[in-house]
Amino acid sequence: MLLIVRAMGETSMVEPLLLGTVFVLASLLLWLLADSDDDNGGGGLRQPALVPIPVRHQQR
């Protein structure tokens, strides 16, 4: 009887762990399949905008 209770106690923890694993894998899959922030939807990151830097034409 004690063995059955002990076995049930150990298997009762398997279900929450399995459920948590399924949630983690599902959210990882959704994250990888989600569209990127690129405007054309081609994947990858957007290119940074070029900002002009002032340059002196005469030496001091």
Foldseek 3Di string as FASTA:
>chain_A
DVVVVVVVVVVVVVVVVVVVVVVVVVVVVCVVPDFDPDPVSPDDDDDDDDDDDDDDPDDD
